[in-house]
C-alpha atoms as a PDB file:
ATOM      1  CA  MET A   1     205.187  40.245 -84.182  1.00  0.00           C
ATOM      2  CA  HIS A   2     208.049  40.447 -82.112  1.00  0.00           C
ATOM      3  CA  ALA A   3     207.761  39.332 -78.593  1.00  0.00           C
ATOM      4  CA  VAL A   4     210.361  40.092 -75.325  1.00  0.00           C
ATOM      5  CA  ASP A   5     210.607  38.670 -72.280  1.00  0.00           C
ATOM      6  CA  ARG A   6     209.376  41.490 -69.754  1.00  0.00           C
ATOM      7  CA  ALA A   7     211.950  40.349 -66.845  1.00  0.00           C
ATOM      8  CA  SER A   8     214.807  39.389 -68.948  1.00  0.00           C
ATOM      9  CA  ARG A   9     214.601  41.591 -72.102  1.00  0.00           C
ATOM     10  CA  GLN A  10     215.297  38.028 -73.921  1.00  0.00           C
ATOM     11  CA  HIS A  11     213.320  37.523 -77.408  1.00  0.00           C
ATOM     12  CA  ARG A  12     210.586  34.829 -77.201  1.00  0.00           C
ATOM     13  CA  PHE A  13     209.533  34.788 -80.812  1.00  0.00           C
ATOM     14  CA  SER A  14     209.423  36.233 -84.245  1.00  0.00           C
ATOM     15  CA  ARG A  15     206.080  35.454 -86.292  1.00  0.00           C
ATOM     16  CA  GLU A  16     204.653  36.846 -89.483  1.00  0.00           C
ATOM     17  CA  TYR A  17     200.497  36.713 -90.000  1.00  0.00           C
ATOM     18  CA  SER A  18     199.172  36.967 -93.128  1.00  0.00           C
ATOM     19  CA  LEU A  19     195.369  37.679 -93.958  1.00  0.00           C
ATOM     20  CA  PRO A  20     193.485  37.682 -97.189  1.00  0.00           C
ATOM     21  CA  LEU A  21     192.916  41.823 -97.269  1.00  0.00           C
ATOM     22  CA  PRO A  22     195.163  44.367 -96.513  1.00  0.00           C
ATOM     23  CA  VAL A  23     195.205  46.043 -92.614  1.00  0.00           C
ATOM     24  CA  LEU A  24     194.549  49.267 -92.207  1.00  0.00           C
ATOM     25  CA  SER A  25     194.971  49.805 -88.500  1.00  0.00           C
ATOM     26  CA  ILE A  26     196.031  47.331 -85.547  1.00  0.00           C
ATOM     27  CA  LEU A  27     192.767  48.025 -83.139  1.00  0.00           C
ATOM     28  CA  MET A  28     194.576  46.632 -80.387  1.00  0.00           C
ATOM     29  CA  LEU A  29     197.431  44.324 -78.718  1.00  0.00           C
ATOM     30  CA  ASP A  30     196.760  42.579 -75.517  1.00  0.00           C
ATOM     31  CA  THR A  31     197.241  39.673 -73.168  1.00  0.00           C
ATOM     32  CA  ASP A  32     194.621  38.513 -70.631  1.00  0.00           C
ATOM     33  CA  ALA A  33     195.871  36.670 -67.282  1.00  0.00           C
ATOM     34  CA  SER A  34     196.959  33.752 -68.769  1.00  0.00           C
ATOM     35  CA  GLY A  35     199.082  35.285 -71.788  1.00  0.00           C
ATOM     36  CA  VAL A  36     197.204  34.716 -74.221  1.00  0.00           C
ATOM     37  CA  ILE A  37     197.632  37.284 -76.903  1.00  0.00           C
ATOM     38  CA  TYR A  38     194.926  39.468 -78.148  1.00  0.00           C
ATOM     39  CA  LEU A  39     195.419  41.586 -81.186  1.00  0.00           C
ATOM     40  CA  ALA A  40     192.468  43.088 -83.524  1.00  0.00           C
ATOM     41  CA  VAL A  41     193.334  44.456 -86.784  1.00  0.00           C
ATOM     42  CA  SER A  42     191.104  46.551 -89.280  1.00  0.00           C
ATOM     43  CA  GLY A  43     190.645  47.047 -93.106  1.00  0.00           C
ATOM     44  CA  GLU A  44     188.924  47.523 -96.037  1.00  0.00           C
ATOM     45  CA  GLU A  45     188.091  45.282 -98.467  1.00  0.00           C
ATOM     46  CA  PRO A  46     188.259  46.329-102.416  1.00  0.00           C
ATOM     47  CA  HIS A  47     184.968  47.757-104.232  1.00  0.00           C
ATOM     48  CA  PRO A  48     184.116  49.525-107.173  1.00  0.00           C
ATOM     49  CA  PRO A  49     184.471  52.732-107.959  1.00  0.00           C
ATOM     50  CA  GLU A  50     180.690  53.712-107.763  1.00  0.00           C
ATOM     51  CA  GLU A  51     180.424  52.314-104.437  1.00  0.00           C
ATOM     52  CA  VAL A  52     180.452  55.558-102.245  1.00  0.00           C
ATOM     53  CA  ARG A  53     181.852  53.426 -98.353  1.00  0.00           C
ATOM     54  CA  PRO A  54     184.242  49.905 -99.338  1.00  0.00           C
ATOM     55  CA  GLY A  55     183.084  47.545 -96.840  1.00  0.00           C
ATOM     56  CA  HIS A  56     185.392  47.808 -93.545  1.00  0.00           C
ATOM     57  CA  TRP A  57     186.210  44.763 -91.520  1.00  0.00           C
ATOM     58  CA  VAL A  58     187.744  43.844 -88.014  1.00  0.00           C
ATOM     59  CA  ARG A  59     189.528  40.603 -87.333  1.00  0.00           C
ATOM     60  CA  LEU A  60     190.502  39.234 -83.995  1.00  0.00           C
ATOM     61  CA  LEU A  61     193.182  37.199 -83.510  1.00  0.00           C
ATOM     62  CA  CYS A  62     194.382  34.643 -80.624  1.00  0.00           C
ATOM     63  CA  LEU A  63     197.862  33.816 -80.614  1.00  0.00           C
ATOM     64  CA  ASP A  64     199.711  31.244 -78.086  1.00  0.00           C
ATOM     65  CA  ALA A  65     201.762  33.250 -75.458  1.00  0.00           C
ATOM     66  CA  LEU A  66     204.805  30.967 -75.589  1.00  0.00           C
ATOM     67  CA  ASP A  67     205.205  31.211 -79.672  1.00  0.00           C
ATOM     68  CA  GLY A  68     202.720  33.277 -81.046  1.00  0.00           C
ATOM     69  CA  ALA A  69     201.028  30.307 -82.648  1.00  0.00           C
ATOM     70  CA  PRO A  70     197.446  31.311 -83.963  1.00  0.00           C
ATOM     71  CA  LEU A  71     194.739  29.793 -81.425  1.00  0.00           C
ATOM     72  CA  GLY A  72     192.173  31.069 -83.606  1.00  0.00           C
ATOM     73  CA  SER A  73     190.360  34.039 -84.895  1.00  0.00           C
ATOM     74  CA  ALA A  74     186.513  35.742 -84.896  1.00  0.00           C
ATOM     75  CA  ASP A  75     185.443  38.430 -87.489  1.00  0.00           C
ATOM     76  CA  LEU A  76     184.077  41.246 -85.603  1.00  0.00           C
ATOM     77  CA  PRO A  77     181.354  43.389 -86.687  1.00  0.00           C
ATOM     78  CA  SER A  78     182.984  47.012 -87.902  1.00  0.00           C
ATOM     79  CA  ASN A  79     181.968  50.356 -85.915  1.00  0.00           C
ATOM     80  CA  ALA A  80     179.304  51.827 -88.116  1.00  0.00           C
ATOM     81  CA  MET A  81     178.907  55.118 -86.427  1.00  0.00           C
ATOM     82  CA  PRO A  82     181.883  58.389 -86.734  1.00  0.00           C
ATOM     83  CA  GLU A  83     182.176  58.966 -83.321  1.00  0.00           C
ATOM     84  CA  GLU A  84     185.520  57.836 -81.649  1.00  0.00           C
ATOM     85  CA  THR A  85     186.023  56.232 -78.390  1.00  0.00           C
ATOM     86  CA  PHE A  86     189.327  56.287 -76.665  1.00  0.00           C
ATOM     87  CA  ARG A  87     189.127  52.240 -76.300  1.00  0.00           C
ATOM     88  CA  ASP A  88     186.929  49.942 -78.039  1.00  0.00           C
ATOM     89  CA  PHE A  89     188.472  46.916 -76.507  1.00  0.00           C
ATOM     90  CA  ALA A  90     189.173  45.637 -73.075  1.00  0.00           C
ATOM     91  CA  VAL A  91     190.649  42.357 -72.320  1.00  0.00           C
ATOM     92  CA  PRO A  92     189.666  40.942 -69.219  1.00  0.00           C
ATOM     93  CA  ASP A  93     192.123  38.736 -66.830  1.00  0.00           C
ATOM     94  CA  SER A  94     189.846  36.005 -67.531  1.00  0.00           C
ATOM     95  CA  GLY A  95     190.010  35.776 -71.474  1.00  0.00           C
ATOM     96  CA  GLY A  96     187.882  36.871 -74.313  1.00  0.00           C
ATOM     97  CA  VAL A  97     187.496  40.803 -75.449  1.00  0.00           C
ATOM     98  CA  LEU A  98     184.749  43.152 -74.941  1.00  0.00           C
ATOM     99  CA  TYR A  99     184.206  44.939 -77.342  1.00  0.00           C
ATOM    100  CA  SER A 100     182.559  48.310 -77.582  1.00  0.00           C
ATOM    101  CA  VAL A 101     180.129  48.243 -81.347  1.00  0.00           C
ATOM    102  CA  ARG A 102     178.507  51.023 -82.047  1.00  0.00           C
ATOM    103  CA  THR A 103     175.804  51.415 -84.438  1.00  0.00           C
ATOM    104  CA  PRO A 104     172.740  54.088 -85.357  1.00  0.00           C
ATOM    105  CA  ARG A 105     170.624  52.442 -82.598  1.00  0.00           C
ATOM    106  CA  GLY A 106     173.071  52.645 -79.804  1.00  0.00           C
ATOM    107  CA  VAL A 107     176.309  50.994 -78.388  1.00  0.00           C
ATOM    108  CA  THR A 108     176.560  47.401 -77.165  1.00  0.00           C
ATOM    109  CA  LEU A 109     179.296  45.912 -75.263  1.00  0.00           C
ATOM    110  CA  GLN A 110     180.057  42.338 -76.947  1.00  0.00           C
ATOM    111  CA  ARG A 111     182.144  40.019 -75.875  1.00  0.00           C
ATOM    112  CA  TYR A 112     184.153  37.509 -78.239  1.00  0.00           C
ATOM    113  CA  THR A 113     186.666  34.591 -78.085  1.00  0.00           C
ATOM    114  CA  CYS A 114     188.418  32.965 -80.856  1.00  0.00           C
ATOM    115  CA  ARG A 115     187.705  29.454 -79.829  1.00  0.00           C
END
């Protein structure tokens, strides 16, 4: 990740993050009012050929606004339904992440933090 100061266009930091499994997509990249960076990524776990559907995972990373240092992480449930939405995540100014989780029983809005 590379961060640039919006006003001055000066480079703030560059960081590389490692996860134990390959990342297939970035689901969200946003900040709260204090500058904490929220990054949500997803992927699939390796699975035996006889399994029809691999295990999907979603991880939320919270990063320091000044240098991108990890502040913590949280594992979120993967959306199990095929329906797509325009935006599953929202970051309120107060911090944390609101996540729209879709299951066969319906949709719930859940709040997650990395602490």
